[in-house]
N, C-alpha and C. Protein backbone atom coordinates (compact mmCIF):
# COMPACT_ATOMS: atom_id res chain seq x y z
N MET A 1 -15.91 -28.34 -8.78
CA MET A 1 -14.82 -28.89 -8.02
C MET A 1 -13.42 -28.58 -8.66
N LEU A 2 -13.31 -28.61 -10.00
CA LEU A 2 -12.24 -28.40 -10.76
C LEU A 2 -11.77 -27.08 -10.58
N ASN A 3 -12.78 -26.18 -10.62
CA ASN A 3 -12.55 -24.74 -10.47
C ASN A 3 -11.65 -24.41 -8.97
N ALA A 4 -12.37 -24.98 -8.22
CA ALA A 4 -11.77 -24.88 -6.81
C ALA A 4 -10.35 -25.32 -6.62
N ILE A 5 -10.12 -26.30 -7.38
CA ILE A 5 -8.64 -26.83 -7.22
C ILE A 5 -7.79 -26.05 -7.96
N LYS A 6 -8.21 -25.45 -9.14
CA LYS A 6 -7.36 -24.46 -9.94
C LYS A 6 -7.17 -23.15 -9.04
N ASN A 7 -8.21 -22.55 -8.53
CA ASN A 7 -7.98 -21.71 -7.70
C ASN A 7 -7.06 -21.68 -6.43
N LEU A 8 -7.00 -22.94 -5.91
CA LEU A 8 -6.27 -23.39 -4.59
C LEU A 8 -4.87 -23.27 -5.46
N VAL A 9 -4.75 -23.82 -6.34
CA VAL A 9 -3.26 -24.07 -7.16
C VAL A 9 -2.81 -22.59 -7.36
N SER A 10 -3.63 -22.00 -8.05
CA SER A 10 -3.17 -20.38 -8.20
C SER A 10 -2.84 -19.61 -6.98
N LYS A 11 -3.74 -20.07 -6.00
CA LYS A 11 -3.28 -19.26 -4.71
C LYS A 11 -1.82 -19.74 -4.08
N LYS A 12 -1.79 -20.88 -4.10
CA LYS A 12 -0.18 -21.35 -3.89
C LYS A 12 0.65 -20.95 -4.53
N GLN A 13 0.77 -20.72 -5.96
CA GLN A 13 1.62 -20.21 -6.84
C GLN A 13 1.87 -18.56 -6.21
N GLU A 14 0.83 -18.08 -6.08
CA GLU A 14 0.66 -16.56 -5.64
C GLU A 14 1.80 -16.26 -4.52
N VAL A 15 1.27 -17.33 -3.47
CA VAL A 15 2.08 -17.17 -2.23
C VAL A 15 3.49 -17.43 -2.29
N VAL A 16 3.77 -18.36 -3.39
CA VAL A 16 5.09 -18.70 -3.44
C VAL A 16 6.04 -17.45 -4.35
N GLN A 17 5.11 -16.93 -5.20
CA GLN A 17 5.68 -15.73 -6.06
C GLN A 17 6.00 -14.49 -4.74
N ILE A 18 4.97 -14.38 -4.10
CA ILE A 18 5.18 -13.39 -3.01
C ILE A 18 6.19 -13.63 -2.05
N HIS A 19 6.45 -14.89 -1.73
CA HIS A 19 7.70 -15.28 -0.89
C HIS A 19 8.91 -14.79 -1.28
N GLU A 20 8.98 -15.48 -2.79
CA GLU A 20 10.25 -15.05 -3.57
C GLU A 20 10.43 -13.82 -3.62
N PHE A 21 9.48 -13.00 -3.88
CA PHE A 21 9.69 -11.47 -4.14
C PHE A 21 10.23 -10.91 -2.76
N ILE A 22 9.77 -11.19 -1.69
CA ILE A 22 10.28 -10.80 -0.50
C ILE A 22 11.60 -11.08 -0.12
N SER A 23 11.86 -12.42 -0.46
CA SER A 23 13.20 -12.98 -0.08
C SER A 23 14.25 -12.31 -1.16
N LEU A 24 14.00 -12.00 -2.40
CA LEU A 24 14.86 -11.55 -3.26
C LEU A 24 15.07 -9.76 -3.01
N GLN A 25 13.82 -9.32 -2.39
CA GLN A 25 14.27 -7.94 -2.15
C GLN A 25 14.99 -7.64 -0.74
N GLY A 26 14.62 -8.70 0.07
CA GLY A 26 15.68 -8.65 1.51
C GLY A 26 17.08 -8.96 1.03
N ALA A 27 17.20 -9.87 0.07
CA ALA A 27 18.71 -10.10 -0.27
C ALA A 27 19.31 -8.90 -1.03
N ALA A 28 18.43 -8.26 -1.78
CA ALA A 28 18.84 -6.95 -2.38
C ALA A 28 19.34 -5.87 -1.49
N TYR A 29 18.50 -5.73 -0.47
CA TYR A 29 18.71 -4.67 0.61
C TYR A 29 19.93 -5.04 1.33
N ARG A 30 20.15 -6.37 1.46
CA ARG A 30 21.32 -6.53 2.20
C ARG A 30 22.47 -6.40 1.77
N VAL A 31 22.56 -6.59 0.34
CA VAL A 31 23.62 -6.36 -0.37
C VAL A 31 23.97 -4.79 -0.67
N PHE A 32 22.88 -3.83 -0.88
CA PHE A 32 23.17 -2.53 -0.93
C PHE A 32 23.53 -1.88 0.54
N LYS A 33 22.86 -2.47 1.65
CA LYS A 33 23.41 -2.16 2.89
C LYS A 33 24.83 -2.46 3.20
N SER A 34 25.25 -3.66 2.61
CA SER A 34 26.68 -4.04 3.10
C SER A 34 27.63 -3.15 2.21
N HIS A 35 27.34 -2.96 0.96
CA HIS A 35 28.20 -2.07 0.18
C HIS A 35 28.13 -0.46 0.88
N MET A 36 27.13 -0.24 1.23
CA MET A 36 26.86 1.40 1.90
C MET A 36 27.54 1.23 3.27
N ASP A 37 27.62 0.47 4.12
CA ASP A 37 28.21 0.18 5.18
C ASP A 37 29.67 0.25 5.11
N THR A 38 30.17 -0.33 3.98
CA THR A 38 31.66 -0.56 3.78
C THR A 38 32.15 0.88 3.40
N VAL A 39 31.43 1.47 2.36
CA VAL A 39 31.74 2.97 1.86
C VAL A 39 31.90 4.03 3.04
N CYS A 40 30.71 3.78 3.78
CA CYS A 40 30.76 5.07 4.95
C CYS A 40 31.69 4.52 5.97
N LYS A 41 31.93 3.40 6.29
CA LYS A 41 32.89 3.14 7.36
C LYS A 41 34.21 3.73 7.10
N ASP A 42 34.55 3.91 5.96
CA ASP A 42 35.81 4.50 5.51
C ASP A 42 35.91 5.85 6.13
N GLU A 43 34.81 6.52 6.03
CA GLU A 43 34.81 7.90 6.59
C GLU A 43 34.18 8.18 8.10
N HIS A 44 34.11 6.99 8.66
CA HIS A 44 33.56 6.77 10.13
C HIS A 44 32.27 7.14 10.34
N LEU A 45 31.56 6.70 9.45
CA LEU A 45 30.04 6.94 9.43
C LEU A 45 29.18 5.74 9.32
N SER A 46 28.03 5.68 9.82
CA SER A 46 26.94 4.62 9.48
C SER A 46 26.30 4.96 8.18
N ALA A 47 25.78 3.78 7.35
CA ALA A 47 25.12 3.94 6.32
C ALA A 47 23.96 5.12 6.23
N LEU A 48 23.34 5.19 7.40
CA LEU A 48 22.15 6.11 7.38
C LEU A 48 22.70 7.46 7.42
N GLU A 49 24.06 7.73 8.39
CA GLU A 49 24.54 9.07 8.47
C GLU A 49 25.09 9.40 7.14
N GLY A 50 25.78 8.40 6.27
CA GLY A 50 26.04 8.77 4.98
C GLY A 50 24.87 9.14 4.46
N GLY A 51 23.74 8.43 4.39
CA GLY A 51 22.54 8.81 3.60
C GLY A 51 21.89 10.24 3.84
N LEU A 52 22.05 10.53 5.21
CA LEU A 52 21.54 11.84 5.58
C LEU A 52 22.43 12.82 4.87
N LEU A 53 23.86 12.79 4.94
CA LEU A 53 24.69 13.63 4.31
C LEU A 53 24.32 13.81 2.83
N SER A 54 24.08 12.76 2.17
CA SER A 54 23.82 12.57 0.80
C SER A 54 22.58 13.55 0.41
N LEU A 55 21.57 13.55 1.27
CA LEU A 55 20.36 14.08 1.07
C LEU A 55 20.64 15.75 1.00
N LEU A 56 21.80 16.05 1.69
CA LEU A 56 21.95 17.44 1.77
C LEU A 56 23.04 18.01 0.90
N LEU A 57 23.90 17.25 -0.02
CA LEU A 57 24.94 17.51 -0.84
C LEU A 57 24.68 18.49 -1.76
N ASP A 58 23.41 18.40 -2.41
CA ASP A 58 23.03 19.38 -3.53
C ASP A 58 22.03 20.30 -3.15
N VAL A 59 21.90 20.72 -1.88
CA VAL A 59 20.83 21.48 -1.11
C VAL A 59 21.33 22.59 -0.52
N PRO A 60 21.89 23.80 -0.97
CA PRO A 60 22.53 24.83 -0.45
C PRO A 60 21.67 25.38 0.76
N ASP A 61 20.24 25.30 0.66
CA ASP A 61 19.55 25.74 1.66
C ASP A 61 19.16 25.02 2.85
N GLY A 62 19.88 23.81 2.87
CA GLY A 62 19.63 22.71 3.80
C GLY A 62 18.05 22.02 3.81
N LYS A 63 17.67 21.28 4.63
CA LYS A 63 16.44 20.64 4.87
C LYS A 63 16.10 20.59 6.23
N ARG A 64 14.79 20.73 6.40
CA ARG A 64 14.19 20.44 7.80
C ARG A 64 14.17 19.13 8.30
N TYR A 65 14.22 18.80 9.59
CA TYR A 65 14.05 17.63 10.17
C TYR A 65 13.10 16.80 9.67
N ASN A 66 12.01 17.26 9.32
CA ASN A 66 10.63 16.38 9.19
C ASN A 66 10.90 15.97 7.70
N HIS A 67 11.59 16.64 6.56
CA HIS A 67 11.66 16.31 5.30
C HIS A 67 12.87 15.31 5.18
N ILE A 68 13.73 15.29 6.13
CA ILE A 68 14.98 14.28 6.14
C ILE A 68 14.31 13.06 6.53
N ALA A 69 13.44 13.07 7.57
CA ALA A 69 12.68 11.77 8.15
C ALA A 69 11.93 11.13 7.33
N GLN A 70 11.28 11.96 6.45
CA GLN A 70 10.38 11.53 5.17
C GLN A 70 11.19 10.77 4.14
N GLU A 71 12.23 11.28 3.95
CA GLU A 71 13.06 10.83 2.94
C GLU A 71 13.98 9.64 3.09
N LEU A 72 14.26 9.57 4.33
CA LEU A 72 15.22 8.58 5.08
C LEU A 72 14.06 7.28 5.47
N ALA A 73 12.85 7.61 5.44
CA ALA A 73 11.85 6.70 5.95
C ALA A 73 11.99 6.34 7.34
N VAL A 74 12.37 7.23 8.12
CA VAL A 74 12.66 7.13 9.65
C VAL A 74 11.80 7.90 10.58
N GLU A 75 11.79 7.77 11.66
CA GLU A 75 11.10 8.79 12.60
C GLU A 75 11.58 9.85 12.90
N PRO A 76 11.14 11.10 13.02
CA PRO A 76 11.93 12.39 13.36
C PRO A 76 12.72 12.11 14.58
N PRO A 77 12.42 11.52 15.82
CA PRO A 77 13.43 11.59 16.73
C PRO A 77 14.61 10.71 16.17
N PHE A 78 14.61 9.75 15.48
CA PHE A 78 15.80 9.13 14.85
C PHE A 78 16.96 10.19 14.18
N VAL A 79 16.08 11.13 13.37
CA VAL A 79 17.06 11.94 12.67
C VAL A 79 17.61 12.95 13.73
N THR A 80 17.12 12.94 14.84
CA THR A 80 17.70 13.93 15.87
C THR A 80 19.09 13.38 16.45
N GLU A 81 18.67 11.97 16.49
CA GLU A 81 19.97 11.18 16.99
C GLU A 81 21.19 11.40 15.64
N LEU A 82 20.60 11.05 14.53
CA LEU A 82 21.75 11.06 13.46
C LEU A 82 22.31 12.46 13.46
N VAL A 83 21.50 13.48 13.75
CA VAL A 83 21.98 15.08 13.53
C VAL A 83 22.96 15.23 14.82
N THR A 84 22.66 14.52 15.90
CA THR A 84 23.70 14.76 17.26
C THR A 84 24.90 14.33 16.75
N LYS A 85 24.91 13.09 16.42
CA LYS A 85 26.35 12.33 15.99
C LYS A 85 27.05 13.23 14.63
N LEU A 86 26.33 13.67 13.92
CA LEU A 86 27.06 14.30 12.67
C LEU A 86 27.48 15.47 13.14
N LEU A 87 26.75 16.29 14.00
CA LEU A 87 27.22 17.60 14.47
C LEU A 87 28.75 17.29 15.32
N LYS A 88 28.73 16.40 16.04
CA LYS A 88 30.09 16.00 16.76
C LYS A 88 31.05 15.74 15.68
N LYS A 89 31.00 15.35 14.74
CA LYS A 89 31.77 15.06 13.55
C LYS A 89 32.11 16.26 12.58
N LYS A 90 31.41 17.15 12.99
CA LYS A 90 31.60 18.50 12.37
C LYS A 90 31.17 18.49 10.86
N CYS A 91 30.18 17.40 10.59
CA CYS A 91 29.82 17.26 8.98
C CYS A 91 28.43 18.30 8.72
N ILE A 92 27.88 18.66 9.79
CA ILE A 92 26.53 19.48 9.42
C ILE A 92 26.46 20.37 10.54
N GLU A 93 25.72 21.48 10.11
CA GLU A 93 25.32 22.60 11.25
C GLU A 93 23.83 22.78 11.24
N VAL A 94 23.37 23.30 12.17
CA VAL A 94 21.95 23.48 12.49
C VAL A 94 21.74 24.93 12.52
N ARG A 95 20.64 25.30 11.77
CA ARG A 95 20.41 26.93 11.81
C ARG A 95 18.88 27.05 11.83
N ASN A 96 18.32 28.12 12.37
CA ASN A 96 16.85 28.46 12.26
C ASN A 96 16.58 28.69 10.83
N ASP A 97 15.57 28.29 10.38
CA ASP A 97 14.96 28.35 9.15
C ASP A 97 14.73 29.80 8.75
N PRO A 98 15.02 30.50 7.90
CA PRO A 98 14.75 31.87 7.54
C PRO A 98 13.31 32.21 7.35
N ARG A 99 12.74 31.26 6.81
CA ARG A 99 11.25 31.29 6.52
C ARG A 99 10.29 31.15 7.74
N ASP A 100 10.81 30.43 8.53
CA ASP A 100 10.10 30.05 9.93
C ASP A 100 10.97 29.81 11.12
N LYS A 101 11.02 30.83 12.04
CA LYS A 101 12.10 30.95 13.08
C LYS A 101 11.98 29.68 14.03
N ARG A 102 10.80 29.09 13.75
CA ARG A 102 10.46 27.89 15.07
C ARG A 102 11.21 26.75 14.42
N ALA A 103 11.29 26.67 13.17
CA ALA A 103 11.94 25.31 12.49
C ALA A 103 13.54 25.49 12.29
N LYS A 104 14.14 24.28 12.31
CA LYS A 104 15.53 24.13 12.12
C LYS A 104 15.70 23.46 10.89
N ILE A 105 16.97 23.82 10.37
CA ILE A 105 17.32 23.44 9.15
C ILE A 105 18.66 22.67 9.39
N ILE A 106 19.10 21.73 8.50
CA ILE A 106 20.23 21.14 8.66
C ILE A 106 20.90 21.34 7.52
N LEU A 107 22.40 21.80 7.33
CA LEU A 107 23.04 21.93 6.25
C LEU A 107 24.48 21.30 6.49
N LEU A 108 25.17 21.25 5.32
CA LEU A 108 26.51 20.60 5.19
C LEU A 108 27.63 21.57 5.76
N THR A 109 28.58 21.35 6.44
CA THR A 109 29.72 21.99 6.56
C THR A 109 30.58 21.62 5.33
N LYS A 110 31.67 22.60 5.19
CA LYS A 110 32.70 22.35 4.23
C LYS A 110 33.27 20.88 4.67
N ASN A 111 33.69 20.41 5.79
CA ASN A 111 34.04 19.11 6.08
C ASN A 111 32.88 17.92 5.60
N GLY A 112 31.71 18.22 5.86
CA GLY A 112 30.56 17.38 5.30
C GLY A 112 30.57 17.40 3.78
N GLU A 113 30.77 18.27 3.16
CA GLU A 113 30.77 18.20 1.69
C GLU A 113 31.79 17.41 1.16
N GLU A 114 33.12 17.50 1.74
CA GLU A 114 33.92 16.82 1.43
C GLU A 114 33.87 15.19 1.59
N ILE A 115 33.52 15.12 2.75
CA ILE A 115 33.20 13.66 2.96
C ILE A 115 32.14 12.93 2.04
N THR A 116 31.06 13.79 2.04
CA THR A 116 29.94 13.38 1.20
C THR A 116 30.43 12.93 -0.27
N GLU A 117 31.16 13.87 -0.85
CA GLU A 117 31.65 13.83 -2.02
C GLU A 117 32.30 12.46 -2.49
N LYS A 118 33.22 12.13 -1.38
CA LYS A 118 34.11 10.93 -1.16
C LYS A 118 33.02 9.76 -1.24
N ILE A 119 32.03 9.67 -0.39
CA ILE A 119 31.09 8.78 -0.37
C ILE A 119 30.29 8.56 -1.61
N ARG A 120 29.82 9.48 -2.15
CA ARG A 120 29.06 9.61 -3.52
C ARG A 120 30.19 8.87 -4.59
N THR A 121 31.35 9.36 -4.59
CA THR A 121 32.32 8.70 -5.64
C THR A 121 32.23 7.13 -5.57
N LYS A 122 32.62 7.00 -4.14
CA LYS A 122 32.63 5.20 -3.99
C LYS A 122 31.55 4.52 -4.19
N SER A 123 30.20 5.16 -3.63
CA SER A 123 28.83 4.46 -4.05
C SER A 123 28.47 4.55 -5.49
N GLN A 124 28.91 5.24 -6.18
CA GLN A 124 28.64 5.22 -7.62
C GLN A 124 29.42 4.04 -8.19
N SER A 125 30.69 4.13 -7.84
CA SER A 125 31.69 3.08 -8.40
C SER A 125 30.97 1.67 -7.99
N VAL A 126 30.46 1.39 -6.64
CA VAL A 126 29.92 0.14 -6.23
C VAL A 126 28.77 -0.23 -7.08
N LEU A 127 27.83 0.68 -7.21
CA LEU A 127 26.53 0.60 -7.95
C LEU A 127 26.89 0.32 -9.43
N ALA A 128 27.72 0.97 -10.12
CA ALA A 128 28.27 0.58 -11.40
C ALA A 128 28.71 -0.81 -11.45
N GLY A 129 29.20 -1.29 -10.60
CA GLY A 129 29.46 -2.65 -10.52
C GLY A 129 28.44 -3.65 -10.32
N ILE A 130 27.57 -3.24 -9.50
CA ILE A 130 26.22 -3.99 -9.31
C ILE A 130 25.44 -4.14 -10.49
N PHE A 131 25.25 -3.03 -11.04
CA PHE A 131 24.34 -2.83 -12.31
C PHE A 131 25.04 -2.98 -13.69
N GLN A 132 26.26 -3.16 -13.69
CA GLN A 132 26.80 -3.36 -15.11
C GLN A 132 26.35 -4.14 -16.09
N SER A 133 25.80 -5.29 -15.65
CA SER A 133 24.76 -6.24 -16.58
C SER A 133 23.53 -5.85 -17.01
N LEU A 134 23.08 -4.74 -16.50
CA LEU A 134 21.62 -4.42 -16.90
C LEU A 134 21.89 -3.29 -17.86
N SER A 135 20.77 -3.34 -18.89
CA SER A 135 20.74 -2.28 -19.86
C SER A 135 20.13 -1.00 -19.25
N LYS A 136 20.07 0.15 -19.85
CA LYS A 136 19.61 1.13 -19.79
C LYS A 136 18.09 1.03 -19.40
N GLU A 137 17.33 0.34 -20.20
CA GLU A 137 15.96 0.10 -19.99
C GLU A 137 15.62 -0.56 -18.74
N GLU A 138 16.47 -1.74 -18.36
CA GLU A 138 16.21 -2.34 -17.23
C GLU A 138 16.45 -1.65 -16.24
N LEU A 139 17.51 -0.70 -16.03
CA LEU A 139 17.62 0.15 -15.03
C LEU A 139 16.46 0.88 -14.69
N SER A 140 15.94 1.63 -15.91
CA SER A 140 15.07 2.46 -15.71
C SER A 140 13.79 1.85 -15.29
N THR A 141 13.30 0.57 -15.66
CA THR A 141 12.18 -0.28 -15.10
C THR A 141 12.40 -0.52 -13.54
N TYR A 142 13.78 -0.73 -13.22
CA TYR A 142 14.03 -0.96 -11.87
C TYR A 142 13.61 0.11 -11.00
N LYS A 143 14.24 1.30 -11.45
CA LYS A 143 14.08 2.44 -10.76
C LYS A 143 12.36 3.00 -10.84
N LYS A 144 11.70 2.64 -11.71
CA LYS A 144 10.26 2.93 -11.51
C LYS A 144 9.58 2.06 -10.73
N ILE A 145 10.14 0.93 -10.53
CA ILE A 145 9.82 -0.17 -9.52
C ILE A 145 9.70 0.40 -8.14
N LEU A 146 11.09 0.84 -7.79
CA LEU A 146 11.53 1.49 -6.63
C LEU A 146 10.55 2.60 -6.18
N ASP A 147 10.43 3.56 -7.17
CA ASP A 147 9.57 4.61 -7.04
C ASP A 147 8.21 4.10 -6.73
N VAL A 148 7.54 3.25 -7.15
CA VAL A 148 6.23 2.70 -7.07
C VAL A 148 6.07 2.20 -5.47
N ILE A 149 7.23 1.42 -5.18
CA ILE A 149 7.25 1.01 -3.66
C ILE A 149 7.50 1.96 -2.75
N SER A 150 8.59 2.99 -2.92
CA SER A 150 8.74 3.97 -2.17
C SER A 150 7.61 4.77 -1.88
N ALA A 151 6.55 5.17 -2.86
CA ALA A 151 5.47 6.05 -2.97
C ALA A 151 4.48 5.40 -2.07
N SER A 152 4.36 4.10 -1.91
CA SER A 152 3.43 3.42 -1.24
C SER A 152 3.58 2.98 0.22
N ARG A 153 4.63 3.46 0.72
CA ARG A 153 5.19 3.40 2.02
C ARG A 153 4.17 3.81 3.10
N PRO A 154 3.87 3.38 4.11
CA PRO A 154 2.89 4.07 5.04
C PRO A 154 3.77 5.15 5.69
N ILE A 155 2.99 6.26 5.85
CA ILE A 155 3.52 7.30 6.48
C ILE A 155 2.94 7.52 7.90
N GLY A 156 4.14 8.04 8.70
CA GLY A 156 3.73 8.09 9.95
C GLY A 156 4.14 6.88 10.83
């Protein structure tokens, strides 16, 4: 009977810890999203549009729709919506993939590069403020945790 009570208490503590983790993760997401919304709003972009541009900044050959969808953890039709909006803002261009004419790649325009550099500079400043109290080891641990969580997300 004593073991059953211990197991019950242990399970309750586990549930509380999971609830606390989910709550903290949600709060952290909202903080990051709020900051990114503010940074991107200055450039008349949504946070996801800014995120898509950031994925392309250091990729001179561009990326395919499906790779962008995977990296943003969204469905491919949503990438099409983002691309349509960014084309109208003259931030990106779409070309045939030279390796596979059936596929399309998305590349930054000069305007897109300039906007993305502004976003990157502002967001690095914001992140520096958020993480200023953490040591390099703590930041490294946090990144490892995010890597593990991101790698385990369901695909499709």
